[in-house]
Amino acid sequence: MPFVKGQRPTAKSPPEPKSWAQHLADSEDAIFRKVVQLAKKGEPGALRLAMNQLTPRMRVVRFALPEINNVDDIVPALSAISRAAANGQLSPDEAASFAELVAAYRSAFELGDLAKRLAELEEFVRNRLSND
């Protein structure tokens, strides 16, 4: 478009070049189909890549989670998990899994506590109503 005196130029700057990750994301489906095709033909590298993506990496984890018998045991258990992750005994994903387990204990303790408190409150109200 020719420049017209008195008008601002409207030239667009050139588009930003795509990053390697953007190129890969744009081709994700095609790459996946190609890997599957090669894996079906028995190509070892494609088979390995497909299996690594399809199966979770499992390993035996030797970690002694402290016993959790009540809510007071939650913090020491989480501390032990953090220490194990910090020193490399647990991977971040494994530590997160153990932390979720501890969170489930915490939820169970909270639910038990709420049920106990509700029962006590109901008993209190029943006694108050029967005394009136």
Protein backbone atom coordinates (compact mmCIF):
# COMPACT_ATOMS: atom_id res chain seq x y z
CA MET A 1 0.00 0.00 0.00
CA PRO A 2 1.55 3.32 -1.00
CA PHE A 3 2.27 5.97 1.59
CA VAL A 4 -0.28 8.79 1.64
CA LYS A 5 0.83 12.10 3.13
CA GLY A 6 -0.91 12.77 6.44
CA GLN A 7 -1.72 9.13 7.17
CA ARG A 8 0.12 6.92 9.59
CA PRO A 9 1.92 4.02 8.05
CA THR A 10 0.17 0.70 8.65
CA ALA A 11 3.01 -1.64 7.92
CA LYS A 12 2.89 -4.70 10.09
CA SER A 13 6.01 -5.94 11.69
CA PRO A 14 7.13 -9.35 10.52
CA PRO A 15 5.68 -12.26 12.48
CA GLU A 16 7.72 -13.64 15.36
CA PRO A 17 9.61 -16.77 14.35
CA LYS A 18 8.15 -19.96 15.77
CA SER A 19 10.00 -21.66 18.54
CA TRP A 20 11.02 -25.29 18.32
CA ALA A 21 8.27 -26.14 20.84
CA GLN A 22 5.65 -24.36 18.68
CA HIS A 23 6.75 -26.27 15.57
CA LEU A 24 6.60 -29.50 17.53
CA ALA A 25 3.14 -28.67 18.91
CA ASP A 26 1.87 -27.88 15.41
CA SER A 27 3.05 -31.29 14.20
CA GLU A 28 2.11 -33.29 17.28
CA ASP A 29 -0.61 -35.40 15.62
CA ALA A 30 1.50 -36.20 12.57
CA ILE A 31 4.49 -37.14 14.73
CA PHE A 32 2.33 -39.34 16.93
CA ARG A 33 0.84 -41.12 13.91
CA LYS A 34 4.33 -41.69 12.47
CA VAL A 35 5.66 -43.11 15.75
CA VAL A 36 2.67 -45.48 15.97
CA GLN A 37 3.15 -46.51 12.34
CA LEU A 38 6.86 -47.24 12.90
CA ALA A 39 6.17 -49.04 16.18
CA LYS A 40 3.66 -51.31 14.40
CA LYS A 41 6.38 -52.16 11.89
CA GLY A 42 8.67 -53.17 14.76
CA GLU A 43 11.05 -50.20 14.66
CA PRO A 44 12.90 -50.51 18.02
CA GLY A 45 13.28 -46.77 18.68
CA ALA A 46 9.61 -46.12 17.96
CA LEU A 47 8.58 -49.08 20.11
CA ARG A 48 10.69 -47.79 23.00
CA LEU A 49 9.30 -44.27 22.63
CA ALA A 50 5.72 -45.54 22.48
CA MET A 51 6.18 -47.81 25.50
CA ASN A 52 7.82 -45.04 27.53
CA GLN A 53 4.82 -42.81 26.87
CA LEU A 54 2.14 -45.47 27.32
CA THR A 55 3.39 -47.14 30.48
CA PRO A 56 4.14 -45.32 33.69
CA ARG A 57 7.64 -45.66 35.01
CA MET A 58 7.32 -47.90 37.99
CA ARG A 59 9.99 -48.57 40.55
CA VAL A 60 10.02 -50.01 44.00
CA VAL A 61 10.16 -47.19 46.50
CA ARG A 62 11.86 -47.97 49.77
CA PHE A 63 10.59 -45.26 52.07
CA ALA A 64 9.38 -45.73 55.61
CA LEU A 65 6.47 -43.36 55.99
CA PRO A 66 6.10 -42.62 59.70
CA GLU A 67 3.05 -44.17 61.30
CA ILE A 68 -0.01 -41.90 61.21
CA ASN A 69 -2.38 -42.60 64.10
CA ASN A 70 -3.81 -39.16 64.71
CA VAL A 71 -3.73 -35.60 63.43
CA ASP A 72 -0.55 -34.85 65.38
CA ASP A 73 1.32 -37.36 63.18
CA ILE A 74 0.53 -35.44 59.95
CA VAL A 75 3.29 -32.80 60.16
CA PRO A 76 6.07 -35.28 61.00
CA ALA A 77 4.95 -37.48 58.11
CA LEU A 78 5.02 -34.55 55.68
CA SER A 79 8.43 -33.52 57.03
CA ALA A 80 9.78 -37.02 56.42
CA ILE A 81 8.44 -36.92 52.85
CA SER A 82 10.05 -33.53 52.25
CA ARG A 83 13.41 -34.72 53.59
CA ALA A 84 13.28 -37.85 51.43
CA ALA A 85 12.53 -35.76 48.34
CA ALA A 86 15.28 -33.27 49.20
CA ASN A 87 17.91 -35.97 49.56
CA GLY A 88 16.83 -37.79 46.39
CA GLN A 89 15.32 -40.85 48.05
CA LEU A 90 11.95 -39.93 46.50
CA SER A 91 11.31 -38.31 43.15
CA PRO A 92 9.07 -35.22 43.17
CA ASP A 93 6.20 -37.32 41.76
CA GLU A 94 6.67 -40.01 44.40
CA ALA A 95 6.80 -37.39 47.15
CA ALA A 96 3.58 -35.86 45.81
CA SER A 97 1.92 -39.30 45.89
CA PHE A 98 2.96 -39.84 49.49
CA ALA A 99 1.77 -36.33 50.38
CA GLU A 100 -1.63 -37.14 48.83
CA LEU A 101 -1.79 -40.24 51.01
CA VAL A 102 -1.06 -38.14 54.09
CA ALA A 103 -3.73 -35.65 52.97
CA ALA A 104 -6.23 -38.52 52.79
CA TYR A 105 -5.38 -39.40 56.39
CA ARG A 106 -5.86 -35.76 57.38
CA SER A 107 -9.27 -35.68 55.69
CA ALA A 108 -10.29 -38.88 57.45
CA PHE A 109 -9.24 -37.46 60.83
CA GLU A 110 -11.12 -34.22 60.13
CA LEU A 111 -14.25 -36.12 59.09
CA GLY A 112 -14.06 -38.28 62.21
CA ASP A 113 -13.62 -35.19 64.38
CA LEU A 114 -16.60 -33.45 62.74
CA ALA A 115 -18.77 -36.54 63.19
CA LYS A 116 -17.81 -36.74 66.88
CA ARG A 117 -18.47 -33.03 67.43
CA LEU A 118 -21.83 -33.24 65.64
CA ALA A 119 -22.87 -36.22 67.77
CA GLU A 120 -21.91 -34.29 70.94
CA LEU A 121 -23.85 -31.25 69.77
CA GLU A 122 -26.92 -33.35 68.95
CA GLU A 123 -26.71 -34.99 72.40
CA PHE A 124 -26.43 -31.55 74.04
CA VAL A 125 -29.50 -30.28 72.15
CA ARG A 126 -31.47 -33.44 73.00
CA ASN A 127 -30.62 -33.03 76.69
CA ARG A 128 -31.54 -29.33 76.62
CA LEU A 129 -34.87 -30.04 74.96
CA SER A 130 -35.73 -32.86 77.37
CA ASN A 131 -34.93 -30.66 80.39
CA ASP A 132 -37.23 -27.83 79.26
